[in-house]
Amino acid sequence: MHRNDATKRFHDGGDALADLIDETPAAELPAPDTDVPMVSRSVRLPLETYERVRAAADARGIGVTTLMRQWIEAGLADLDDSATVSLADVRRALAALSRPTAA
């Protein structure tokens, strides 16, 4: 059904809208990607900061929200001394320690 037809049925009143809903097949919603309930929050960032976050996420091949969630979780873990560190970060730190320094 076209949007204009649906709008007309709505404005006509009566049972027309209920009939329209009954006639419409159920939408197939995607399955959640996690079993953990998530909360959506809005964060205001300066454009330059957001672009840096987006670039960092792109470099890691993940979404901006995923990267922000990782950073928040790491920051919270640091507060309670239960820090988690990615294996890639550990490898980079070890590689940096094994490089000779210029004298």
C-alpha atoms as a PDB file:
ATOM      1  CA  MET A   1       0.000   0.000   0.000  1.00  0.00           C
ATOM      2  CA  HIS A   2       1.230   3.471  -0.827  1.00  0.00           C
ATOM      3  CA  ARG A   3       1.890   5.933   1.990  1.00  0.00           C
ATOM      4  CA  ASN A   4      -0.807   8.331   0.766  1.00  0.00           C
ATOM      5  CA  ASP A   5      -3.395   5.538   0.845  1.00  0.00           C
ATOM      6  CA  ALA A   6      -2.409   4.662   4.400  1.00  0.00           C
ATOM      7  CA  THR A   7      -2.602   8.319   5.441  1.00  0.00           C
ATOM      8  CA  LYS A   8      -6.078   8.616   3.896  1.00  0.00           C
ATOM      9  CA  ARG A   9      -7.250   5.513   5.762  1.00  0.00           C
ATOM     10  CA  PHE A  10      -5.914   6.992   8.986  1.00  0.00           C
ATOM     11  CA  HIS A  11      -7.712  10.296   8.485  1.00  0.00           C
ATOM     12  CA  ASP A  12     -10.948   8.564   7.468  1.00  0.00           C
ATOM     13  CA  GLY A  13     -11.161   7.216  11.027  1.00  0.00           C
ATOM     14  CA  GLY A  14     -13.169   4.212  12.110  1.00  0.00           C
ATOM     15  CA  ASP A  15     -11.647   0.782  11.858  1.00  0.00           C
ATOM     16  CA  ALA A  16      -9.751   1.545   8.651  1.00  0.00           C
ATOM     17  CA  LEU A  17      -6.399   1.878  10.402  1.00  0.00           C
ATOM     18  CA  ALA A  18      -6.937  -1.283  12.469  1.00  0.00           C
ATOM     19  CA  ASP A  19      -7.856  -3.148   9.289  1.00  0.00           C
ATOM     20  CA  LEU A  20      -4.701  -1.848   7.624  1.00  0.00           C
ATOM     21  CA  ILE A  21      -2.587  -3.076  10.516  1.00  0.00           C
ATOM     22  CA  ASP A  22      -4.293  -6.491  10.404  1.00  0.00           C
ATOM     23  CA  GLU A  23      -3.618  -6.762   6.649  1.00  0.00           C
ATOM     24  CA  THR A  24       0.069  -5.922   6.951  1.00  0.00           C
ATOM     25  CA  PRO A  25       2.461  -8.854   7.338  1.00  0.00           C
ATOM     26  CA  ALA A  26       4.598  -8.900  10.481  1.00  0.00           C
ATOM     27  CA  ALA A  27       7.990  -7.262  10.082  1.00  0.00           C
ATOM     28  CA  GLU A  28      11.034  -9.498  10.356  1.00  0.00           C
ATOM     29  CA  LEU A  29      13.346  -7.826  12.848  1.00  0.00           C
ATOM     30  CA  PRO A  30      17.048  -8.652  13.002  1.00  0.00           C
ATOM     31  CA  ALA A  31      18.227 -10.692  15.958  1.00  0.00           C
ATOM     32  CA  PRO A  32      20.143  -8.674  18.565  1.00  0.00           C
ATOM     33  CA  ASP A  33      23.919  -9.022  18.254  1.00  0.00           C
ATOM     34  CA  THR A  34      24.311  -9.502  21.999  1.00  0.00           C
ATOM     35  CA  ASP A  35      22.525 -11.142  24.904  1.00  0.00           C
ATOM     36  CA  VAL A  36      23.496  -8.208  27.122  1.00  0.00           C
ATOM     37  CA  PRO A  37      20.845  -5.487  27.368  1.00  0.00           C
ATOM     38  CA  MET A  38      22.179  -2.216  25.976  1.00  0.00           C
ATOM     39  CA  VAL A  39      21.269   1.388  26.797  1.00  0.00           C
ATOM     40  CA  SER A  40      21.465   4.093  24.174  1.00  0.00           C
ATOM     41  CA  ARG A  41      22.907   7.457  25.261  1.00  0.00           C
ATOM     42  CA  SER A  42      23.636  10.577  23.288  1.00  0.00           C
ATOM     43  CA  VAL A  43      27.086  12.133  23.588  1.00  0.00           C
ATOM     44  CA  ARG A  44      27.961  15.557  22.225  1.00  0.00           C
ATOM     45  CA  LEU A  45      31.478  15.792  20.841  1.00  0.00           C
ATOM     46  CA  PRO A  46      33.310  18.534  19.011  1.00  0.00           C
ATOM     47  CA  LEU A  47      33.473  17.677  15.303  1.00  0.00           C
ATOM     48  CA  GLU A  48      37.265  17.340  15.377  1.00  0.00           C
ATOM     49  CA  THR A  49      37.081  14.892  18.290  1.00  0.00           C
ATOM     50  CA  TYR A  50      34.418  12.805  16.563  1.00  0.00           C
ATOM     51  CA  GLU A  51      36.465  12.683  13.355  1.00  0.00           C
ATOM     52  CA  ARG A  52      39.480  11.446  15.323  1.00  0.00           C
ATOM     53  CA  VAL A  53      37.364   8.771  17.010  1.00  0.00           C
ATOM     54  CA  ARG A  54      35.903   7.722  13.656  1.00  0.00           C
ATOM     55  CA  ALA A  55      39.387   7.503  12.116  1.00  0.00           C
ATOM     56  CA  ALA A  56      40.592   5.390  15.057  1.00  0.00           C
ATOM     57  CA  ALA A  57      37.585   3.075  14.699  1.00  0.00           C
ATOM     58  CA  ASP A  58      38.110   2.791  10.932  1.00  0.00           C
ATOM     59  CA  ALA A  59      41.777   1.926  11.475  1.00  0.00           C
ATOM     60  CA  ARG A  60      40.701  -0.917  13.793  1.00  0.00           C
ATOM     61  CA  GLY A  61      37.935  -2.082  11.459  1.00  0.00           C
ATOM     62  CA  ILE A  62      35.193  -1.544  14.049  1.00  0.00           C
ATOM     63  CA  GLY A  63      32.309   0.878  14.487  1.00  0.00           C
ATOM     64  CA  VAL A  64      32.557   4.160  16.360  1.00  0.00           C
ATOM     65  CA  THR A  65      30.111   2.991  19.027  1.00  0.00           C
ATOM     66  CA  THR A  66      32.072  -0.217  19.585  1.00  0.00           C
ATOM     67  CA  LEU A  67      35.312   1.718  20.005  1.00  0.00           C
ATOM     68  CA  MET A  68      33.717   4.208  22.402  1.00  0.00           C
ATOM     69  CA  ARG A  69      32.267   1.316  24.431  1.00  0.00           C
ATOM     70  CA  GLN A  70      35.726  -0.312  24.601  1.00  0.00           C
ATOM     71  CA  TRP A  71      37.304   2.940  25.771  1.00  0.00           C
ATOM     72  CA  ILE A  72      34.630   3.471  28.420  1.00  0.00           C
ATOM     73  CA  GLU A  73      34.977  -0.109  29.671  1.00  0.00           C
ATOM     74  CA  ALA A  74      38.772   0.246  29.806  1.00  0.00           C
ATOM     75  CA  GLY A  75      38.465   3.529  31.707  1.00  0.00           C
ATOM     76  CA  LEU A  76      36.057   2.005  34.210  1.00  0.00           C
ATOM     77  CA  ALA A  77      38.291  -1.047  34.634  1.00  0.00           C
ATOM     78  CA  ASP A  78      41.185   1.302  35.350  1.00  0.00           C
ATOM     79  CA  LEU A  79      39.152   2.928  38.126  1.00  0.00           C
ATOM     80  CA  ASP A  80      38.622  -0.382  39.908  1.00  0.00           C
ATOM     81  CA  ASP A  81      42.023  -1.924  39.123  1.00  0.00           C
ATOM     82  CA  SER A  82      40.517  -4.688  36.986  1.00  0.00           C
ATOM     83  CA  ALA A  83      41.976  -3.343  33.746  1.00  0.00           C
ATOM     84  CA  THR A  84      41.629  -5.357  30.578  1.00  0.00           C
ATOM     85  CA  VAL A  85      44.083  -4.809  27.777  1.00  0.00           C
ATOM     86  CA  SER A  86      43.739  -6.016  24.215  1.00  0.00           C
ATOM     87  CA  LEU A  87      46.321  -8.493  22.995  1.00  0.00           C
ATOM     88  CA  ALA A  88      47.240  -6.098  20.171  1.00  0.00           C
ATOM     89  CA  ASP A  89      48.025  -3.369  22.717  1.00  0.00           C
ATOM     90  CA  VAL A  90      50.192  -5.762  24.729  1.00  0.00           C
ATOM     91  CA  ARG A  91      52.106  -6.787  21.599  1.00  0.00           C
ATOM     92  CA  ARG A  92      52.683  -3.142  20.628  1.00  0.00           C
ATOM     93  CA  ALA A  93      53.954  -2.312  24.113  1.00  0.00           C
ATOM     94  CA  LEU A  94      56.311  -5.291  24.130  1.00  0.00           C
ATOM     95  CA  ALA A  95      57.598  -4.444  20.648  1.00  0.00           C
ATOM     96  CA  ALA A  96      58.263  -0.867  21.740  1.00  0.00           C
ATOM     97  CA  LEU A  97      60.214  -2.110  24.778  1.00  0.00           C
ATOM     98  CA  SER A  98      62.352  -4.450  22.707  1.00  0.00           C
ATOM     99  CA  ARG A  99      63.461  -1.746  20.246  1.00  0.00           C
ATOM    100  CA  PRO A 100      66.875  -0.245  20.940  1.00  0.00           C
ATOM    101  CA  THR A 101      66.780   3.433  21.835  1.00  0.00           C
ATOM    102  CA  ALA A 102      69.043   6.018  20.210  1.00  0.00           C
ATOM    103  CA  ALA A 103      71.748   7.264  22.542  1.00  0.00           C
END
